[in-house]
Amino acid sequence: MSPSTRDALWFHILFLAAALPLVALSEGTARGEHLLWLTLGYHCALPLVSLVRRHHEWLFLWLFLLPLAAGQVLPDWALVRVAGVLVFPDLGQPRIGGDVPIYFLGLWMMLLFPVLLIGHSSRSPYLVTGLLALALFAFWEWAARPLQIWYNRDVLAIDGMALYPLVPEMLLALTALWAYRHFGRGSIAGRLFAALGVNVFYTGACFLSLLGIEYIYRSALLGIL
């Protein structure tokens, strides 16, 4: 394991160890404030640690993922407003379009960054990224409901974990890795265009997954029964 990957693991383990009790032991607006300040703290600490430890790859990846992670509010917004399957409990923070809490502009980074960094530095980048993304996103799809960060409604689920986002989230990580490896050190315009392309791809993948699981699969199941 490279020093960069090892430091990234320790950074995220320590951050999670500090953040999880703050979120889990608070309620209502206090939880929303903690999520907002933790998101801001993460985005201040990560580039600072990258500079102190001279992990330049961290900085390139963080800069590439900034617009991509922020752009993930668009599919979230569509899943709330258009599909009606995603719910963000009111924790007292401003909402984008009246639906998506403002801290989600930076929250996606906390999963995408470690997944892509570990995958990018491995010998089988796409295999590692896909498996790691599937495992971590599945965990947070399950954990987000009891923590009241977000939850899905009226969809097929296992123990509260919605099924339809899992494959799209794995594909999100894979396409983000591909985009980073091709455009991560290119022009600002190229990086922005690549980030938006990943956001649009993920949005389409979510709606196709909803169609496949929530309509075609349910219809077939009802037909059999």
Protein backbone atom coordinates (compact mmCIF):
# COMPACT_ATOMS: atom_id res chain seq x y z
CA MET A 1 0.00 0.00 0.00
CA SER A 2 1.37 3.39 -1.00
CA PRO A 3 1.88 6.14 1.61
CA SER A 4 -0.79 8.21 -0.16
CA THR A 5 -3.39 5.45 0.10
CA ARG A 6 -2.46 4.64 3.70
CA ASP A 7 -2.74 8.29 4.73
CA ALA A 8 -6.08 8.59 2.93
CA LEU A 9 -7.44 5.59 4.82
CA TRP A 10 -6.30 7.02 8.16
CA PHE A 11 -7.69 10.45 7.31
CA HIS A 12 -11.14 9.05 6.53
CA ILE A 13 -11.16 6.60 9.45
CA LEU A 14 -10.32 9.39 11.90
CA PHE A 15 -12.80 11.78 10.29
CA LEU A 16 -15.57 9.17 10.45
CA ALA A 17 -14.71 8.33 14.06
CA ALA A 18 -15.12 12.00 14.97
CA ALA A 19 -18.12 12.74 12.73
CA LEU A 20 -20.36 9.73 13.29
CA PRO A 21 -20.98 10.28 17.04
CA LEU A 22 -21.72 13.97 16.42
CA VAL A 23 -24.36 13.10 13.85
CA ALA A 24 -25.77 10.03 15.60
CA LEU A 25 -26.13 11.68 19.02
CA SER A 26 -27.78 14.87 17.77
CA GLU A 27 -31.28 15.54 16.48
CA GLY A 28 -33.19 18.03 14.35
CA THR A 29 -31.49 21.33 13.56
CA ALA A 30 -28.44 20.39 15.65
CA ARG A 31 -27.86 17.40 13.38
CA GLY A 32 -28.24 19.61 10.32
CA GLU A 33 -25.70 22.09 11.71
CA HIS A 34 -23.26 19.27 12.44
CA LEU A 35 -23.62 17.92 8.90
CA LEU A 36 -23.01 21.36 7.44
CA TRP A 37 -19.94 22.11 9.55
CA LEU A 38 -18.52 18.61 9.12
CA THR A 39 -18.84 18.96 5.35
CA LEU A 40 -17.08 22.32 5.42
CA GLY A 41 -14.43 20.93 7.78
CA TYR A 42 -13.77 17.98 5.49
CA HIS A 43 -13.26 20.24 2.49
CA CYS A 44 -10.84 22.42 4.46
CA ALA A 45 -8.90 19.57 6.08
CA LEU A 46 -8.45 17.34 3.03
CA PRO A 47 -6.51 19.77 0.80
CA LEU A 48 -4.56 21.01 3.83
CA VAL A 49 -3.44 17.47 4.70
CA SER A 50 -2.59 16.84 1.05
CA LEU A 51 -0.27 19.86 1.06
CA VAL A 52 1.32 19.05 4.42
CA ARG A 53 1.90 15.41 3.46
CA ARG A 54 2.78 16.34 -0.14
CA HIS A 55 0.17 14.04 -1.64
CA HIS A 56 -0.34 15.95 -4.87
CA GLU A 57 -2.68 13.28 -6.26
CA TRP A 58 -5.14 14.12 -3.47
CA LEU A 59 -5.24 17.73 -4.58
CA PHE A 60 -5.76 16.89 -8.26
CA LEU A 61 -8.55 14.43 -7.39
CA TRP A 62 -10.22 16.83 -4.93
CA LEU A 63 -10.20 19.65 -7.48
CA PHE A 64 -11.63 17.36 -10.15
CA LEU A 65 -14.36 16.04 -7.86
CA LEU A 66 -15.45 19.45 -6.52
CA PRO A 67 -17.78 20.29 -9.45
CA LEU A 68 -18.75 16.64 -9.92
CA ALA A 69 -19.77 16.18 -6.28
CA ALA A 70 -21.61 19.51 -6.27
CA GLY A 71 -23.40 18.54 -9.48
CA GLN A 72 -24.81 15.45 -7.77
CA VAL A 73 -27.50 17.68 -6.27
CA LEU A 74 -29.11 17.63 -9.74
CA PRO A 75 -29.94 13.90 -9.81
CA ASP A 76 -30.88 14.09 -6.13
CA TRP A 77 -33.23 16.96 -6.92
CA ALA A 78 -34.77 15.02 -9.81
CA LEU A 79 -35.28 11.95 -7.60
CA VAL A 80 -37.09 14.14 -5.06
CA ARG A 81 -39.10 16.39 -7.34
CA VAL A 82 -39.73 14.23 -10.44
CA ALA A 83 -39.59 10.60 -9.28
CA GLY A 84 -40.79 11.28 -5.73
CA VAL A 85 -38.76 8.41 -4.29
CA LEU A 86 -36.06 10.30 -2.37
CA VAL A 87 -36.66 12.20 0.87
CA PHE A 88 -34.34 14.50 2.80
CA PRO A 89 -35.66 15.06 6.34
CA ASP A 90 -35.87 18.70 7.38
CA LEU A 91 -32.82 19.39 9.56
CA GLY A 92 -33.17 23.14 9.44
CA GLN A 93 -30.62 23.90 6.71
CA PRO A 94 -31.23 25.85 3.47
CA ARG A 95 -32.37 23.67 0.57
CA ILE A 96 -31.48 23.81 -3.10
CA GLY A 97 -34.72 24.12 -5.05
CA GLY A 98 -36.54 23.67 -1.76
CA ASP A 99 -35.61 19.97 -1.75
CA VAL A 100 -31.90 19.13 -1.34
CA PRO A 101 -30.05 20.32 1.80
CA ILE A 102 -27.18 22.64 0.97
CA TYR A 103 -24.54 20.42 2.59
CA PHE A 104 -25.10 17.86 -0.19
CA LEU A 105 -23.04 20.17 -2.41
CA GLY A 106 -20.04 18.67 -0.63
CA LEU A 107 -21.27 15.46 0.96
CA TRP A 108 -20.83 13.22 -2.10
CA MET A 109 -17.10 13.97 -2.03
CA MET A 110 -16.69 12.03 1.22
CA LEU A 111 -17.49 8.75 -0.53
CA LEU A 112 -16.21 9.41 -4.03
CA PHE A 113 -12.78 10.67 -2.97
CA PRO A 114 -11.56 7.59 -1.02
CA VAL A 115 -13.14 5.17 -3.50
CA LEU A 116 -11.50 6.81 -6.50
CA LEU A 117 -8.14 7.37 -4.81
CA ILE A 118 -7.86 3.74 -3.71
CA GLY A 119 -9.11 2.45 -7.05
CA HIS A 120 -6.88 4.74 -9.10
CA SER A 121 -3.75 3.63 -7.24
CA SER A 122 -4.53 -0.11 -7.43
CA ARG A 123 -3.41 -2.64 -10.03
CA SER A 124 -7.01 -3.28 -11.12
CA PRO A 125 -8.47 0.22 -10.85
CA TYR A 126 -11.93 -0.37 -12.28
CA LEU A 127 -12.51 -3.68 -10.50
CA VAL A 128 -11.40 -2.26 -7.14
CA THR A 129 -13.39 0.94 -7.65
CA GLY A 130 -16.56 -0.93 -8.62
CA LEU A 131 -16.46 -3.37 -5.71
CA LEU A 132 -15.49 -0.73 -3.15
CA ALA A 133 -18.18 1.67 -4.38
CA LEU A 134 -20.85 -1.02 -4.25
CA ALA A 135 -19.91 -1.97 -0.68
CA LEU A 136 -19.64 1.57 0.69
CA PHE A 137 -22.70 2.97 -1.05
CA ALA A 138 -24.76 -0.04 0.08
CA PHE A 139 -23.67 0.59 3.67
CA TRP A 140 -24.61 4.27 3.55
CA GLU A 141 -27.92 3.60 1.79
CA TRP A 142 -28.70 1.41 4.80
CA ALA A 143 -27.24 3.74 7.47
CA ALA A 144 -28.69 7.01 6.13
CA ARG A 145 -32.27 6.17 7.16
CA PRO A 146 -31.66 5.64 10.91
CA LEU A 147 -29.36 8.67 10.89
CA GLN A 148 -32.15 10.65 9.18
CA ILE A 149 -29.82 12.05 6.51
CA TRP A 150 -31.91 10.74 3.61
CA TYR A 151 -34.15 7.80 2.78
CA ASN A 152 -36.04 6.32 -0.15
CA ARG A 153 -39.77 5.63 -0.11
CA ASP A 154 -42.15 3.39 -2.05
CA VAL A 155 -39.30 1.37 -3.58
CA LEU A 156 -38.02 -2.18 -3.23
CA ALA A 157 -35.68 -2.34 -0.24
CA ILE A 158 -33.88 -4.80 2.00
CA ASP A 159 -33.87 -3.81 5.68
CA GLY A 160 -34.43 -0.18 4.69
CA MET A 161 -31.72 -0.20 1.99
CA ALA A 162 -33.19 0.76 -1.39
CA LEU A 163 -32.07 -1.45 -4.26
CA TYR A 164 -32.46 0.85 -7.25
CA PRO A 165 -29.52 3.23 -6.46
CA LEU A 166 -26.86 0.57 -5.93
CA VAL A 167 -25.90 -0.20 -9.53
CA PRO A 168 -26.14 3.47 -10.61
CA GLU A 169 -23.88 4.45 -7.68
CA MET A 170 -21.34 1.81 -8.67
CA LEU A 171 -21.49 3.10 -12.26
CA LEU A 172 -21.11 6.65 -10.94
CA ALA A 173 -17.80 5.74 -9.31
CA LEU A 174 -16.60 3.90 -12.42
CA THR A 175 -17.45 6.73 -14.81
CA ALA A 176 -15.98 9.28 -12.40
CA LEU A 177 -12.74 7.28 -12.31
CA TRP A 178 -12.67 7.05 -16.11
CA ALA A 179 -13.28 10.79 -16.39
CA TYR A 180 -10.57 11.57 -13.85
CA ARG A 181 -8.00 9.38 -15.58
CA HIS A 182 -8.73 11.09 -18.92
CA PHE A 183 -9.50 14.69 -17.89
CA GLY A 184 -8.27 15.08 -14.30
CA ARG A 185 -5.22 17.12 -15.23
CA GLY A 186 -6.66 18.82 -18.28
CA SER A 187 -8.16 22.26 -18.76
CA ILE A 188 -10.77 23.67 -16.40
CA ALA A 189 -13.37 23.57 -19.18
CA GLY A 190 -12.56 19.93 -19.91
CA ARG A 191 -12.88 18.97 -16.26
CA LEU A 192 -16.18 20.81 -15.87
CA PHE A 193 -17.58 19.19 -19.01
CA ALA A 194 -16.46 15.74 -17.83
CA ALA A 195 -18.01 16.30 -14.39
CA LEU A 196 -21.32 17.39 -15.88
CA GLY A 197 -21.26 14.36 -18.18
CA VAL A 198 -20.89 12.05 -15.18
CA ASN A 199 -23.79 13.81 -13.41
CA VAL A 200 -26.04 13.41 -16.47
CA PHE A 201 -25.01 9.76 -16.88
CA TYR A 202 -25.79 9.02 -13.23
CA THR A 203 -29.19 10.72 -13.49
CA GLY A 204 -30.11 8.56 -16.47
CA ALA A 205 -28.82 5.43 -14.74
CA CYS A 206 -31.00 6.13 -11.69
CA PHE A 207 -34.15 6.56 -13.75
CA LEU A 208 -33.42 3.48 -15.86
CA SER A 209 -32.85 1.52 -12.66
CA LEU A 210 -36.16 2.78 -11.30
CA LEU A 211 -37.84 1.68 -14.52
CA GLY A 212 -36.19 -1.73 -14.42
CA ILE A 213 -36.68 -2.52 -10.73
CA GLU A 214 -39.77 -0.58 -9.72
CA TYR A 215 -41.86 -1.09 -12.86
CA ILE A 216 -40.64 -3.99 -15.03
CA TYR A 217 -39.59 -6.24 -12.13
CA ARG A 218 -42.68 -5.45 -10.05
CA SER A 219 -44.95 -5.98 -13.05
CA ALA A 220 -43.32 -9.31 -13.84
CA LEU A 221 -43.56 -10.36 -10.20
CA LEU A 222 -47.25 -9.44 -10.03
CA GLY A 223 -47.82 -11.34 -13.28
CA ILE A 224 -46.25 -14.46 -11.82
CA LEU A 225 -48.23 -14.14 -8.60
